[in-house]
Protein backbone atom coordinates (compact mmCIF):
# COMPACT_ATOMS: atom_id res chain seq x y z
CA MET A 1 50.56 -8.89 -16.54
CA LEU A 2 51.15 -11.84 -18.82
CA PHE A 3 47.66 -11.40 -20.23
CA ASP A 4 48.39 -7.72 -21.03
CA ALA A 5 51.69 -8.65 -22.71
CA ILE A 6 49.91 -11.15 -24.94
CA LEU A 7 46.95 -8.91 -25.65
CA LYS A 8 48.89 -5.76 -26.55
CA PRO A 9 50.73 -7.28 -29.53
CA ALA A 10 47.43 -8.67 -30.77
CA ARG A 11 45.87 -5.23 -30.56
CA ALA A 12 48.80 -3.71 -32.42
CA VAL A 13 48.43 -6.22 -35.23
CA THR A 14 44.70 -5.63 -35.38
CA LEU A 15 45.15 -1.88 -35.52
CA CYS A 16 47.75 -2.17 -38.27
CA THR A 17 45.48 -4.45 -40.22
CA LEU A 18 42.56 -2.10 -39.79
CA THR A 19 44.69 0.91 -40.64
CA PHE A 20 45.97 -0.66 -43.85
CA GLY A 21 42.55 -2.10 -44.65
CA LEU A 22 40.88 1.30 -44.26
CA ALA A 23 43.48 2.98 -46.45
CA GLY A 24 42.45 0.75 -49.34
CA CYS A 25 38.71 0.75 -48.71
CA ALA A 26 37.85 3.14 -51.52
CA SER A 27 39.17 0.77 -54.19
CA GLU A 28 37.92 -2.48 -52.60
CA PRO A 29 34.60 -3.93 -53.80
CA PRO A 30 31.96 -4.26 -51.08
CA GLY A 31 31.30 -7.60 -49.42
CA GLN A 32 33.35 -10.70 -49.01
CA PRO A 33 35.35 -12.51 -51.71
CA SER A 34 33.13 -14.62 -53.95
CA PHE A 35 34.80 -17.87 -52.90
CA TYR A 36 33.37 -17.31 -49.38
CA GLN A 37 29.83 -16.56 -50.53
CA SER A 38 27.28 -19.20 -49.65
CA MET A 39 25.77 -21.20 -52.48
CA ALA A 40 22.99 -22.32 -50.13
CA THR A 41 20.54 -19.71 -51.40
CA ALA A 42 18.04 -19.78 -54.25
CA ASN A 43 19.82 -17.42 -56.65
CA ALA A 44 23.43 -18.25 -55.80
CA LYS A 45 25.79 -18.79 -58.72
CA VAL A 46 29.32 -20.03 -58.33
CA ASP A 47 31.97 -17.55 -59.49
CA ALA A 48 33.55 -19.70 -62.18
CA LYS A 49 36.36 -17.21 -62.82
CA ALA A 50 37.31 -17.27 -59.13
CA ALA A 51 37.22 -21.09 -59.23
CA ALA A 52 39.48 -21.20 -62.30
CA SER A 53 41.85 -18.75 -60.63
CA MET A 54 41.88 -20.77 -57.40
CA ILE A 55 42.48 -24.09 -59.15
CA SER A 56 45.04 -22.57 -61.54
CA GLY A 57 46.93 -21.08 -58.58
CA TYR A 58 46.94 -24.45 -56.84
CA ARG A 59 48.22 -26.11 -60.01
CA ARG A 60 50.87 -23.41 -60.51
CA ASN A 61 52.06 -23.92 -56.91
CA ASN A 62 52.51 -27.58 -57.82
CA GLY A 63 54.47 -26.90 -61.03
CA LEU A 64 51.56 -27.39 -63.43
CA GLY A 65 49.87 -25.29 -66.09
CA LEU A 66 46.76 -23.17 -65.70
CA VAL A 67 43.21 -24.17 -66.59
CA ALA A 68 40.77 -22.00 -68.51
CA LEU A 69 36.99 -22.04 -68.38
CA ASP A 70 35.25 -23.92 -71.16
CA ASP A 71 31.57 -23.32 -71.97
CA GLN A 72 30.91 -26.94 -72.87
CA LEU A 73 32.48 -28.21 -69.65
CA MET A 74 30.50 -25.59 -67.71
CA ARG A 75 27.26 -27.01 -69.19
CA MET A 76 28.33 -30.57 -68.38
CA ALA A 77 29.17 -29.65 -64.77
CA GLU A 78 25.81 -27.89 -64.44
CA GLU A 79 24.01 -30.95 -65.79
CA GLN A 80 25.77 -33.23 -63.28
CA ALA A 81 25.20 -30.94 -60.29
CA ARG A 82 21.51 -30.51 -61.24
CA ALA A 83 21.06 -34.27 -61.65
CA MET A 84 22.52 -34.91 -58.18
CA ALA A 85 20.35 -32.18 -56.68
CA SER A 86 17.14 -33.36 -58.36
CA LYS A 87 17.74 -36.98 -57.33
CA ASN A 88 19.13 -35.99 -53.91
CA ARG A 89 22.00 -38.39 -54.61
CA PHE A 90 25.67 -37.64 -54.22
CA GLU A 91 27.13 -39.85 -56.95
CA HIS A 92 29.16 -39.61 -60.14
CA ASP A 93 26.52 -41.43 -62.20
CA ALA A 94 23.59 -39.14 -61.31
CA ALA A 95 23.50 -37.77 -64.88
CA GLY A 96 24.85 -41.01 -66.34
CA PRO A 97 28.30 -42.62 -66.38
CA PHE A 98 31.03 -39.99 -66.79
CA GLN A 99 32.53 -41.38 -70.00
CA GLN A 100 29.06 -41.59 -71.57
CA ARG A 101 28.33 -37.98 -70.57
CA ILE A 102 31.58 -36.85 -72.20
CA LYS A 103 30.70 -38.68 -75.44
CA ARG A 104 27.06 -37.51 -75.36
CA SER A 105 28.19 -33.89 -75.02
CA GLY A 106 30.34 -34.11 -78.13
CA TYR A 107 33.39 -32.86 -76.22
CA ASP A 108 36.42 -34.36 -77.94
CA ALA A 109 38.52 -35.05 -74.86
CA LYS A 110 42.04 -36.35 -74.82
CA VAL A 111 41.63 -36.60 -71.04
CA ALA A 112 38.72 -35.78 -68.70
CA VAL A 113 38.28 -36.13 -64.93
CA GLU A 114 35.51 -35.17 -62.55
CA ASN A 115 35.20 -34.12 -58.93
CA ILE A 116 31.85 -33.96 -57.22
CA GLY A 117 30.94 -32.66 -53.81
CA ALA A 118 27.92 -32.18 -51.59
CA GLY A 119 27.34 -30.25 -48.41
CA TYR A 120 29.97 -27.59 -49.03
CA HIS A 121 28.29 -24.19 -48.91
CA THR A 122 31.15 -22.14 -50.39
CA LEU A 123 33.66 -22.51 -53.18
CA ALA A 124 36.43 -22.29 -50.59
CA GLU A 125 34.94 -25.25 -48.69
CA ALA A 126 34.50 -27.33 -51.85
CA PHE A 127 38.05 -26.58 -53.00
CA SER A 128 39.45 -27.46 -49.55
CA GLY A 129 37.49 -30.71 -49.49
CA TRP A 130 38.83 -31.69 -52.91
CA ARG A 131 42.36 -30.63 -52.03
CA ASP A 132 42.28 -32.74 -48.86
CA SER A 133 41.02 -35.89 -50.65
CA PRO A 134 43.80 -37.79 -52.47
CA PRO A 135 41.73 -38.85 -55.53
CA HIS A 136 40.15 -35.39 -55.92
CA ARG A 137 43.52 -33.68 -55.44
CA ALA A 138 44.98 -35.97 -58.13
CA ASN A 139 42.23 -34.84 -60.52
CA MET A 140 42.92 -31.15 -59.85
CA LEU A 141 46.64 -31.80 -60.33
CA HIS A 142 46.27 -33.96 -63.44
CA SER A 143 49.13 -32.84 -65.66
CA GLY A 144 47.20 -33.15 -68.92
CA VAL A 145 44.18 -30.93 -68.22
CA THR A 146 43.89 -27.41 -69.64
CA LYS A 147 40.14 -26.63 -69.42
CA MET A 148 37.50 -26.75 -66.72
CA GLY A 149 33.84 -26.34 -65.92
CA ILE A 150 32.27 -25.99 -62.48
CA ALA A 151 28.76 -25.75 -61.07
CA ALA A 152 27.02 -25.60 -57.70
CA VAL A 153 23.29 -26.25 -57.38
CA TYR A 154 21.22 -25.44 -54.32
CA SER A 155 18.69 -28.04 -53.23
CA PRO A 156 16.93 -26.72 -50.11
CA GLY A 157 15.01 -29.92 -49.38
CA SER A 158 18.05 -32.17 -49.51
CA LYS A 159 20.31 -33.37 -46.75
CA TYR A 160 23.34 -31.72 -48.44
CA LYS A 161 21.78 -28.39 -49.54
CA VAL A 162 24.47 -27.76 -52.21
CA PHE A 163 25.77 -30.15 -54.87
CA TRP A 164 29.02 -29.48 -56.75
CA ALA A 165 30.54 -30.74 -59.98
CA LEU A 166 33.98 -29.90 -61.36
CA ILE A 167 35.11 -31.26 -64.71
CA LEU A 168 38.70 -30.86 -65.85
CA ALA A 169 39.71 -31.89 -69.35
CA ALA A 170 41.94 -31.36 -72.33
CA PRO A 171 40.57 -31.30 -75.85
CA ASP A 172 42.15 -33.69 -78.30
CA GLY A 173 43.72 -31.30 -80.79
CA ARG A 174 44.72 -34.15 -83.11
CA ARG A 175 41.10 -34.82 -84.03
CA GLY A 176 38.50 -32.77 -85.85
């Protein structure tokens, strides 16, 4: 009896969810949201727009401004993630010290911070890992950043399989 009482409400919720979900099926894109798609495949590419939306939403929930994608920061994040993957090393200096990489790129940053990750197969996992780590959370919630770049690189022969780099920055509008 108790089992039936517990199970029936669960069924009702499931049916309601399915009923509402089916009503909107025609307008829903097929497949799962991009932030749940595995990056542990040869042709996987992180959905940078979804990442910017996710990070911007997190910042907004914490009283901060949004971040926008930046092509130069995207290239820098890709370079860092590829360097970690090719060296099979999970470290900030894989492509060189962060401040040197910023200078080398020509990005005129007022502020720049970096999060790296390894072993997370989805954007959702990487974001959750960063959110749950105080220094990485502080980077995502840095009040001065306005731009971002993100990359995930698959390395099938490595222990981690997927290497991540997220760079958040603000250009120095006073210069150049």
